Amino acid sequence: MIYPYKDKTPNIDPSVFIADYATITGDVTIGAETSVWFNTVIRGDVSPVIIGKKVSIQDLSCLHQSPKFPLVIEDEVTIGHQVTLHSCTIRKGALIGMGSIILDGAEIGEGAFIGAGSLVPPGKKIPPNMLALGSPAKIVRELNDEDRIDMERVVREYAEKGQYYKSLQK
């Protein structure tokens, strides 16, 4: 379902796949070829939510924000299943593992990988191309070429899956 909130209505590119039972409300912008999977909630009823192109927001994820910070997701980001993002910035090409929580003012660098079940606390900055794990998340190592190839593959596969499912909605 897509809902306005007061005078704000989601601005969603026509190519975006929105699965059944996903909810998007308020000041939300979503770029081309992005996919919003089943039972995901994106609420732009406090501050803006800005989502780039070819982003995958997988099943059961929750995106929200505080008045202090918007929520920004740049292009070609993968958000795993059951992730919570709250007033943070996720830079281009990053991957957020299943069940992770990224909190207010945190920034995930370009091409970084946050491992499944990790907690990135408020204000924490994860540098580009790093693997961070744990609660609280700590940098473990720099990503290698094989890691980056896998992350790029996931972006492509979810963009293709999203477009396939989008074609079934017509």
N, C-alpha and C. Protein backbone atom coordinates (compact mmCIF):
# COMPACT_ATOMS: atom_id res chain seq x y z
N MET A 1 0.84 -1.18 0.00
CA MET A 1 0.00 0.00 0.00
C MET A 1 0.89 1.25 0.00
N ILE A 2 0.41 2.24 -0.68
CA ILE A 2 1.11 3.52 -0.73
C ILE A 2 0.15 4.57 -0.15
N TYR A 3 0.66 5.29 0.87
CA TYR A 3 -0.16 6.28 1.54
C TYR A 3 0.53 7.64 1.53
N PRO A 4 -0.24 8.72 1.36
CA PRO A 4 0.33 10.04 1.64
C PRO A 4 0.39 10.21 3.15
N TYR A 5 1.22 11.12 3.59
CA TYR A 5 1.19 11.54 4.99
C TYR A 5 1.12 13.06 4.99
N LYS A 6 0.03 13.57 5.48
CA LYS A 6 -0.25 15.01 5.44
C LYS A 6 -0.07 15.50 4.01
N ASP A 7 0.88 16.42 3.75
CA ASP A 7 1.02 16.95 2.39
C ASP A 7 2.12 16.24 1.59
N LYS A 8 2.64 15.12 2.09
CA LYS A 8 3.73 14.39 1.42
C LYS A 8 3.21 13.07 0.85
N THR A 9 3.49 12.87 -0.44
CA THR A 9 3.11 11.64 -1.12
C THR A 9 4.37 10.98 -1.67
N PRO A 10 4.51 9.67 -1.53
CA PRO A 10 5.70 9.01 -2.07
C PRO A 10 5.87 9.30 -3.57
N ASN A 11 7.12 9.52 -3.96
CA ASN A 11 7.50 9.74 -5.36
C ASN A 11 8.28 8.50 -5.80
N ILE A 12 7.63 7.63 -6.56
CA ILE A 12 8.18 6.32 -6.89
C ILE A 12 8.32 6.19 -8.39
N ASP A 13 9.54 5.90 -8.87
CA ASP A 13 9.76 5.69 -10.30
C ASP A 13 8.84 4.57 -10.80
N PRO A 14 8.28 4.70 -11.99
CA PRO A 14 7.35 3.68 -12.50
C PRO A 14 7.96 2.28 -12.66
N SER A 15 9.28 2.19 -12.73
CA SER A 15 9.93 0.88 -12.91
C SER A 15 10.12 0.12 -11.61
N VAL A 16 9.80 0.73 -10.47
CA VAL A 16 10.02 0.10 -9.17
C VAL A 16 9.04 -1.06 -8.98
N PHE A 17 9.56 -2.19 -8.47
CA PHE A 17 8.71 -3.30 -8.08
C PHE A 17 8.39 -3.15 -6.60
N ILE A 18 7.09 -3.12 -6.28
CA ILE A 18 6.63 -3.09 -4.89
C ILE A 18 5.80 -4.35 -4.67
N ALA A 19 6.30 -5.23 -3.82
CA ALA A 19 5.63 -6.50 -3.57
C ALA A 19 4.37 -6.30 -2.75
N ASP A 20 3.49 -7.29 -2.83
CA ASP A 20 2.28 -7.28 -2.03
C ASP A 20 2.64 -7.14 -0.55
N TYR A 21 1.81 -6.41 0.14
CA TYR A 21 1.91 -6.19 1.58
C TYR A 21 3.07 -5.30 2.01
N ALA A 22 3.78 -4.71 1.06
CA ALA A 22 4.74 -3.67 1.40
C ALA A 22 3.96 -2.38 1.63
N THR A 23 4.47 -1.53 2.53
CA THR A 23 3.81 -0.27 2.84
C THR A 23 4.82 0.86 2.70
N ILE A 24 4.42 1.90 1.96
CA ILE A 24 5.27 3.07 1.74
C ILE A 24 4.41 4.29 2.02
N THR A 25 4.92 5.19 2.88
CA THR A 25 4.11 6.33 3.26
C THR A 25 4.94 7.59 3.42
N GLY A 26 4.36 8.71 3.01
CA GLY A 26 4.94 10.02 3.27
C GLY A 26 6.02 10.47 2.32
N ASP A 27 7.02 11.15 2.86
CA ASP A 27 8.08 11.81 2.09
C ASP A 27 9.15 10.80 1.70
N VAL A 28 8.82 9.98 0.71
CA VAL A 28 9.70 8.90 0.25
C VAL A 28 9.93 9.07 -1.25
N THR A 29 11.19 9.00 -1.66
CA THR A 29 11.55 9.02 -3.08
C THR A 29 12.29 7.72 -3.38
N ILE A 30 11.87 7.02 -4.44
CA ILE A 30 12.48 5.74 -4.81
C ILE A 30 12.87 5.78 -6.28
N GLY A 31 14.16 5.49 -6.57
CA GLY A 31 14.70 5.53 -7.91
C GLY A 31 14.43 4.29 -8.74
N ALA A 32 14.77 4.37 -10.02
CA ALA A 32 14.48 3.34 -11.03
C ALA A 32 15.06 1.98 -10.66
N GLU A 33 14.32 0.96 -11.06
CA GLU A 33 14.71 -0.46 -10.96
C GLU A 33 14.99 -0.92 -9.54
N THR A 34 14.46 -0.20 -8.58
CA THR A 34 14.55 -0.62 -7.18
C THR A 34 13.46 -1.64 -6.92
N SER A 35 13.70 -2.52 -5.94
CA SER A 35 12.68 -3.50 -5.56
C SER A 35 12.44 -3.41 -4.06
N VAL A 36 11.15 -3.39 -3.71
CA VAL A 36 10.70 -3.33 -2.31
C VAL A 36 9.92 -4.62 -2.09
N TRP A 37 10.49 -5.51 -1.30
CA TRP A 37 9.96 -6.88 -1.19
C TRP A 37 8.88 -7.01 -0.13
N PHE A 38 8.31 -8.20 -0.04
CA PHE A 38 7.12 -8.51 0.74
C PHE A 38 7.24 -8.07 2.21
N ASN A 39 6.18 -7.42 2.68
CA ASN A 39 6.05 -7.01 4.08
C ASN A 39 7.09 -6.02 4.56
N THR A 40 7.68 -5.28 3.65
CA THR A 40 8.60 -4.21 4.01
C THR A 40 7.80 -2.94 4.32
N VAL A 41 8.30 -2.15 5.27
CA VAL A 41 7.65 -0.88 5.63
C VAL A 41 8.66 0.24 5.46
N ILE A 42 8.28 1.26 4.68
CA ILE A 42 9.10 2.45 4.47
C ILE A 42 8.25 3.65 4.86
N ARG A 43 8.60 4.27 6.01
CA ARG A 43 7.80 5.38 6.53
C ARG A 43 8.56 6.68 6.43
N GLY A 44 8.03 7.59 5.64
CA GLY A 44 8.58 8.93 5.52
C GLY A 44 7.69 9.94 6.21
N ASP A 45 7.29 9.64 7.44
CA ASP A 45 6.34 10.51 8.14
C ASP A 45 7.01 11.39 9.19
N VAL A 46 8.35 11.39 9.23
CA VAL A 46 9.08 12.26 10.15
C VAL A 46 10.07 13.13 9.38
N SER A 47 10.92 12.49 8.58
CA SER A 47 11.92 13.16 7.74
C SER A 47 11.93 12.43 6.40
N PRO A 48 12.61 12.99 5.40
CA PRO A 48 12.63 12.34 4.09
C PRO A 48 13.36 10.99 4.09
N VAL A 49 12.88 10.12 3.22
CA VAL A 49 13.56 8.86 2.88
C VAL A 49 13.90 8.96 1.41
N ILE A 50 15.18 8.84 1.10
CA ILE A 50 15.65 8.95 -0.29
C ILE A 50 16.34 7.66 -0.66
N ILE A 51 15.80 6.96 -1.64
CA ILE A 51 16.31 5.66 -2.06
C ILE A 51 16.71 5.76 -3.53
N GLY A 52 17.93 5.34 -3.85
CA GLY A 52 18.47 5.46 -5.19
C GLY A 52 17.97 4.40 -6.16
N LYS A 53 18.76 4.20 -7.21
CA LYS A 53 18.43 3.26 -8.28
C LYS A 53 19.03 1.88 -7.98
N LYS A 54 18.31 0.86 -8.45
CA LYS A 54 18.75 -0.54 -8.33
C LYS A 54 19.07 -0.92 -6.89
N VAL A 55 18.23 -0.47 -5.99
CA VAL A 55 18.33 -0.85 -4.57
C VAL A 55 17.37 -2.00 -4.34
N SER A 56 17.80 -2.97 -3.55
CA SER A 56 16.94 -4.08 -3.16
C SER A 56 16.68 -3.97 -1.67
N ILE A 57 15.40 -3.81 -1.30
CA ILE A 57 15.01 -3.75 0.10
C ILE A 57 14.19 -5.00 0.35
N GLN A 58 14.82 -5.97 0.98
CA GLN A 58 14.24 -7.30 1.03
C GLN A 58 13.20 -7.46 2.14
N ASP A 59 12.55 -8.60 2.09
CA ASP A 59 11.38 -8.92 2.90
C ASP A 59 11.54 -8.54 4.38
N LEU A 60 10.46 -7.99 4.93
CA LEU A 60 10.31 -7.69 6.35
C LEU A 60 11.23 -6.60 6.88
N SER A 61 11.81 -5.81 6.00
CA SER A 61 12.65 -4.71 6.46
C SER A 61 11.81 -3.51 6.88
N CYS A 62 12.38 -2.69 7.77
CA CYS A 62 11.69 -1.51 8.28
C CYS A 62 12.61 -0.31 8.15
N LEU A 63 12.14 0.73 7.45
CA LEU A 63 12.91 1.95 7.24
C LEU A 63 12.14 3.12 7.83
N HIS A 64 12.79 3.85 8.76
CA HIS A 64 12.15 4.98 9.41
C HIS A 64 13.22 5.99 9.78
N GLN A 65 12.84 7.09 10.43
CA GLN A 65 13.81 8.13 10.73
C GLN A 65 13.33 8.99 11.89
N SER A 66 14.29 9.78 12.40
CA SER A 66 13.99 10.75 13.45
C SER A 66 13.97 12.14 12.83
N PRO A 67 13.53 13.15 13.56
CA PRO A 67 13.53 14.50 12.99
C PRO A 67 14.94 15.04 12.72
N LYS A 68 15.94 14.46 13.36
CA LYS A 68 17.31 14.97 13.25
C LYS A 68 17.98 14.62 11.93
N PHE A 69 17.70 13.43 11.39
CA PHE A 69 18.41 12.94 10.21
C PHE A 69 17.43 12.33 9.21
N PRO A 70 17.65 12.55 7.91
CA PRO A 70 16.89 11.80 6.91
C PRO A 70 17.45 10.38 6.82
N LEU A 71 16.82 9.56 6.05
CA LEU A 71 17.33 8.22 5.73
C LEU A 71 17.69 8.24 4.26
N VAL A 72 18.97 7.98 3.94
CA VAL A 72 19.45 8.03 2.56
C VAL A 72 20.08 6.70 2.20
N ILE A 73 19.63 6.13 1.08
CA ILE A 73 20.21 4.91 0.52
C ILE A 73 20.60 5.23 -0.91
N GLU A 74 21.90 5.18 -1.19
CA GLU A 74 22.37 5.50 -2.54
C GLU A 74 22.15 4.32 -3.48
N ASP A 75 22.57 4.47 -4.74
CA ASP A 75 22.34 3.47 -5.78
C ASP A 75 23.03 2.14 -5.49
N GLU A 76 22.41 1.07 -6.02
CA GLU A 76 22.99 -0.28 -6.06
C GLU A 76 23.33 -0.83 -4.68
N VAL A 77 22.46 -0.55 -3.73
CA VAL A 77 22.60 -1.06 -2.36
C VAL A 77 21.70 -2.27 -2.19
N THR A 78 22.18 -3.25 -1.42
CA THR A 78 21.36 -4.41 -1.06
C THR A 78 21.06 -4.33 0.44
N ILE A 79 19.77 -4.35 0.76
CA ILE A 79 19.30 -4.38 2.14
C ILE A 79 18.71 -5.76 2.36
N GLY A 80 19.35 -6.58 3.20
CA GLY A 80 18.91 -7.96 3.41
C GLY A 80 17.57 -8.05 4.12
N HIS A 81 17.11 -9.28 4.29
CA HIS A 81 15.83 -9.56 4.93
C HIS A 81 15.83 -9.08 6.39
N GLN A 82 14.73 -8.51 6.80
CA GLN A 82 14.46 -8.14 8.19
C GLN A 82 15.50 -7.16 8.76
N VAL A 83 15.91 -6.21 7.94
CA VAL A 83 16.85 -5.17 8.37
C VAL A 83 16.05 -3.97 8.88
N THR A 84 16.58 -3.29 9.91
CA THR A 84 16.02 -2.03 10.38
C THR A 84 17.04 -0.93 10.08
N LEU A 85 16.58 0.08 9.34
CA LEU A 85 17.39 1.27 9.07
C LEU A 85 16.67 2.46 9.68
N HIS A 86 17.39 3.24 10.49
CA HIS A 86 16.76 4.38 11.16
C HIS A 86 17.66 5.61 11.03
N SER A 87 17.24 6.57 10.21
CA SER A 87 17.94 7.85 10.08
C SER A 87 19.44 7.69 9.84
N CYS A 88 19.80 6.85 8.88
CA CYS A 88 21.21 6.60 8.57
C CYS A 88 21.46 6.86 7.09
N THR A 89 22.73 6.75 6.70
CA THR A 89 23.11 6.91 5.30
C THR A 89 23.85 5.66 4.86
N ILE A 90 23.39 5.07 3.75
CA ILE A 90 24.01 3.88 3.18
C ILE A 90 24.55 4.29 1.81
N ARG A 91 25.86 4.26 1.66
CA ARG A 91 26.50 4.72 0.42
C ARG A 91 26.43 3.66 -0.68
N LYS A 92 26.68 4.11 -1.90
CA LYS A 92 26.57 3.30 -3.12
C LYS A 92 27.27 1.95 -2.98
N GLY A 93 26.54 0.91 -3.41
CA GLY A 93 27.11 -0.42 -3.52
C GLY A 93 27.29 -1.16 -2.21
N ALA A 94 26.83 -0.62 -1.10
CA ALA A 94 26.96 -1.32 0.18
C ALA A 94 25.97 -2.46 0.27
N LEU A 95 26.25 -3.39 1.18
CA LEU A 95 25.34 -4.51 1.45
C LEU A 95 25.12 -4.59 2.95
N ILE A 96 23.85 -4.60 3.34
CA ILE A 96 23.48 -4.71 4.76
C ILE A 96 22.88 -6.09 4.96
N GLY A 97 23.57 -6.92 5.76
CA GLY A 97 23.17 -8.32 5.95
C GLY A 97 21.88 -8.47 6.73
N MET A 98 21.28 -9.65 6.55
CA MET A 98 19.99 -9.96 7.17
C MET A 98 19.98 -9.68 8.66
N GLY A 99 18.88 -9.09 9.11
CA GLY A 99 18.66 -8.88 10.53
C GLY A 99 19.52 -7.79 11.16
N SER A 100 20.23 -7.03 10.37
CA SER A 100 21.06 -5.96 10.92
C SER A 100 20.23 -4.73 11.28
N ILE A 101 20.79 -3.92 12.18
CA ILE A 101 20.15 -2.68 12.61
C ILE A 101 21.19 -1.56 12.46
N ILE A 102 20.82 -0.51 11.71
CA ILE A 102 21.69 0.65 11.50
C ILE A 102 20.95 1.86 12.07
N LEU A 103 21.56 2.54 13.04
CA LEU A 103 20.84 3.57 13.79
C LEU A 103 21.22 5.00 13.40
N ASP A 104 20.58 5.95 14.04
CA ASP A 104 20.61 7.37 13.72
C ASP A 104 22.03 7.93 13.52
N GLY A 105 22.21 8.58 12.39
CA GLY A 105 23.46 9.26 12.10
C GLY A 105 24.60 8.35 11.69
N ALA A 106 24.38 7.04 11.67
CA ALA A 106 25.41 6.11 11.21
C ALA A 106 25.57 6.26 9.71
N GLU A 107 26.78 5.98 9.23
CA GLU A 107 27.05 6.03 7.80
C GLU A 107 27.82 4.79 7.39
N ILE A 108 27.29 4.10 6.40
CA ILE A 108 27.94 2.91 5.86
C ILE A 108 28.60 3.33 4.55
N GLY A 109 29.93 3.19 4.49
CA GLY A 109 30.69 3.67 3.35
C GLY A 109 30.42 2.92 2.06
N GLU A 110 30.81 3.54 0.97
CA GLU A 110 30.62 2.97 -0.36
C GLU A 110 31.24 1.58 -0.42
N GLY A 111 30.44 0.61 -0.90
CA GLY A 111 30.92 -0.75 -1.08
C GLY A 111 31.19 -1.52 0.20
N ALA A 112 30.78 -1.00 1.35
CA ALA A 112 30.99 -1.72 2.62
C ALA A 112 29.97 -2.84 2.77
N PHE A 113 30.30 -3.79 3.63
CA PHE A 113 29.46 -4.97 3.89
C PHE A 113 29.25 -5.06 5.39
N ILE A 114 27.98 -5.00 5.81
CA ILE A 114 27.63 -5.18 7.22
C ILE A 114 27.08 -6.59 7.35
N GLY A 115 27.76 -7.42 8.14
CA GLY A 115 27.38 -8.83 8.28
C GLY A 115 26.04 -9.01 8.96
N ALA A 116 25.43 -10.16 8.71
CA ALA A 116 24.11 -10.48 9.24
C ALA A 116 24.07 -10.32 10.76
N GLY A 117 22.97 -9.75 11.24
CA GLY A 117 22.74 -9.61 12.67
C GLY A 117 23.57 -8.55 13.36
N SER A 118 24.20 -7.68 12.61
CA SER A 118 25.06 -6.65 13.21
C SER A 118 24.25 -5.44 13.66
N LEU A 119 24.80 -4.73 14.65
CA LEU A 119 24.22 -3.48 15.13
C LEU A 119 25.24 -2.38 14.92
N VAL A 120 24.88 -1.40 14.08
CA VAL A 120 25.73 -0.22 13.88
C VAL A 120 25.11 0.88 14.72
N PRO A 121 25.79 1.29 15.82
CA PRO A 121 25.19 2.25 16.75
C PRO A 121 25.12 3.67 16.19
N PRO A 122 24.39 4.54 16.87
CA PRO A 122 24.25 5.92 16.40
C PRO A 122 25.60 6.59 16.17
N GLY A 123 25.70 7.27 15.02
CA GLY A 123 26.88 8.07 14.69
C GLY A 123 28.09 7.30 14.21
N LYS A 124 28.04 5.97 14.21
CA LYS A 124 29.19 5.15 13.79
C LYS A 124 29.40 5.27 12.29
N LYS A 125 30.65 5.43 11.88
CA LYS A 125 31.00 5.51 10.45
C LYS A 125 31.79 4.25 10.08
N ILE A 126 31.28 3.52 9.10
CA ILE A 126 32.00 2.35 8.57
C ILE A 126 32.64 2.81 7.27
N PRO A 127 33.97 2.72 7.16
CA PRO A 127 34.66 3.20 5.96
C PRO A 127 34.30 2.38 4.71
N PRO A 128 34.55 2.95 3.54
CA PRO A 128 34.28 2.24 2.29
C PRO A 128 35.03 0.91 2.21
N ASN A 129 34.39 -0.06 1.54
CA ASN A 129 35.01 -1.35 1.20
C ASN A 129 35.50 -2.14 2.40
N MET A 130 34.80 -2.02 3.52
CA MET A 130 35.16 -2.76 4.73
C MET A 130 34.04 -3.72 5.11
N LEU A 131 34.42 -4.84 5.73
CA LEU A 131 33.48 -5.77 6.32
C LEU A 131 33.41 -5.46 7.81
N ALA A 132 32.18 -5.23 8.30
CA ALA A 132 31.97 -4.98 9.73
C ALA A 132 30.96 -5.99 10.24
N LEU A 133 31.24 -6.52 11.43
CA LEU A 133 30.40 -7.56 12.03
C LEU A 133 30.19 -7.27 13.51
N GLY A 134 29.09 -7.80 14.05
CA GLY A 134 28.89 -7.83 15.49
C GLY A 134 27.97 -6.77 16.03
N SER A 135 27.85 -6.81 17.37
CA SER A 135 26.98 -5.90 18.08
C SER A 135 27.71 -5.40 19.33
N PRO A 136 28.28 -4.22 19.27
CA PRO A 136 28.26 -3.27 18.16
C PRO A 136 29.20 -3.72 17.03
N ALA A 137 28.91 -3.26 15.82
CA ALA A 137 29.69 -3.66 14.64
C ALA A 137 31.12 -3.14 14.77
N LYS A 138 32.05 -4.03 14.45
CA LYS A 138 33.47 -3.67 14.42
C LYS A 138 34.03 -4.06 13.05
N ILE A 139 34.97 -3.28 12.57
CA ILE A 139 35.59 -3.56 11.28
C ILE A 139 36.47 -4.81 11.43
N VAL A 140 36.27 -5.76 10.52
CA VAL A 140 36.99 -7.02 10.56
C VAL A 140 38.13 -7.04 9.54
N ARG A 141 37.82 -6.57 8.33
CA ARG A 141 38.84 -6.58 7.27
C ARG A 141 38.36 -5.76 6.08
N GLU A 142 39.28 -5.53 5.16
CA GLU A 142 38.94 -4.90 3.90
C GLU A 142 38.36 -5.97 2.98
N LEU A 143 37.38 -5.58 2.18
CA LEU A 143 36.79 -6.52 1.23
C LEU A 143 37.77 -6.76 0.09
N ASN A 144 37.72 -7.99 -0.45
CA ASN A 144 38.59 -8.32 -1.58
C ASN A 144 37.78 -8.34 -2.88
N ASP A 145 38.46 -8.59 -3.98
CA ASP A 145 37.79 -8.57 -5.29
C ASP A 145 36.66 -9.58 -5.36
N GLU A 146 36.85 -10.76 -4.79
CA GLU A 146 35.81 -11.79 -4.80
C GLU A 146 34.56 -11.31 -4.06
N ASP A 147 34.75 -10.65 -2.91
CA ASP A 147 33.61 -10.10 -2.17
C ASP A 147 32.84 -9.09 -3.02
N ARG A 148 33.58 -8.19 -3.66
CA ARG A 148 32.94 -7.14 -4.46
C ARG A 148 32.18 -7.73 -5.65
N ILE A 149 32.76 -8.76 -6.28
CA ILE A 149 32.08 -9.41 -7.41
C ILE A 149 30.77 -10.03 -6.94
N ASP A 150 30.79 -10.69 -5.77
CA ASP A 150 29.56 -11.28 -5.22
C ASP A 150 28.51 -10.22 -4.92
N MET A 151 28.94 -9.11 -4.34
CA MET A 151 28.00 -8.03 -4.01
C MET A 151 27.38 -7.43 -5.27
N GLU A 152 28.17 -7.26 -6.31
CA GLU A 152 27.65 -6.73 -7.58
C GLU A 152 26.69 -7.72 -8.23
N ARG A 153 26.97 -9.01 -8.10
CA ARG A 153 26.09 -10.05 -8.63
C ARG A 153 24.72 -9.98 -7.95
N VAL A 154 24.72 -9.81 -6.63
CA VAL A 154 23.46 -9.73 -5.89
C VAL A 154 22.64 -8.54 -6.37
N VAL A 155 23.28 -7.40 -6.60
CA VAL A 155 22.57 -6.22 -7.11
C VAL A 155 21.90 -6.55 -8.44
N ARG A 156 22.67 -7.15 -9.34
CA ARG A 156 22.11 -7.51 -10.67
C ARG A 156 20.95 -8.49 -10.55
N GLU A 157 21.14 -9.53 -9.73
CA GLU A 157 20.10 -10.56 -9.61
C GLU A 157 18.80 -9.99 -9.04
N TYR A 158 18.91 -9.15 -8.02
CA TYR A 158 17.69 -8.58 -7.44
C TYR A 158 17.03 -7.57 -8.37
N ALA A 159 17.83 -6.83 -9.14
CA ALA A 159 17.24 -5.91 -10.14
C ALA A 159 16.46 -6.73 -11.17
N GLU A 160 17.04 -7.85 -11.62
CA GLU A 160 16.35 -8.71 -12.59
C GLU A 160 15.11 -9.34 -11.99
N LYS A 161 15.21 -9.86 -10.76
CA LYS A 161 14.04 -10.47 -10.11
C LYS A 161 12.93 -9.45 -9.93
N GLY A 162 13.30 -8.25 -9.50
CA GLY A 162 12.31 -7.20 -9.31
C GLY A 162 11.58 -6.88 -10.61
N GLN A 163 12.33 -6.77 -11.71
CA GLN A 163 11.71 -6.47 -13.00
C GLN A 163 10.83 -7.62 -13.48
N TYR A 164 11.25 -8.86 -13.18
CA TYR A 164 10.42 -10.02 -13.52
C TYR A 164 9.08 -9.94 -12.78
N TYR A 165 9.14 -9.77 -11.46
CA TYR A 165 7.91 -9.68 -10.69
C TYR A 165 7.07 -8.47 -11.09
N LYS A 166 7.73 -7.37 -11.41
CA LYS A 166 7.00 -6.18 -11.88
C LYS A 166 6.20 -6.51 -13.14
N SER A 167 6.78 -7.31 -14.05
CA SER A 167 6.09 -7.67 -15.29
C SER A 167 4.83 -8.50 -15.02
N LEU A 168 4.79 -9.21 -13.91
CA LEU A 168 3.62 -10.02 -13.55
C LEU A 168 2.48 -9.16 -12.99
N GLN A 169 2.79 -7.95 -12.57
CA GLN A 169 1.78 -7.07 -11.98
C GLN A 169 0.95 -6.33 -13.03
N LYS A 170 1.34 -6.40 -14.29
CA LYS A 170 0.64 -5.62 -15.32
C LYS A 170 -0.68 -6.23 -15.72
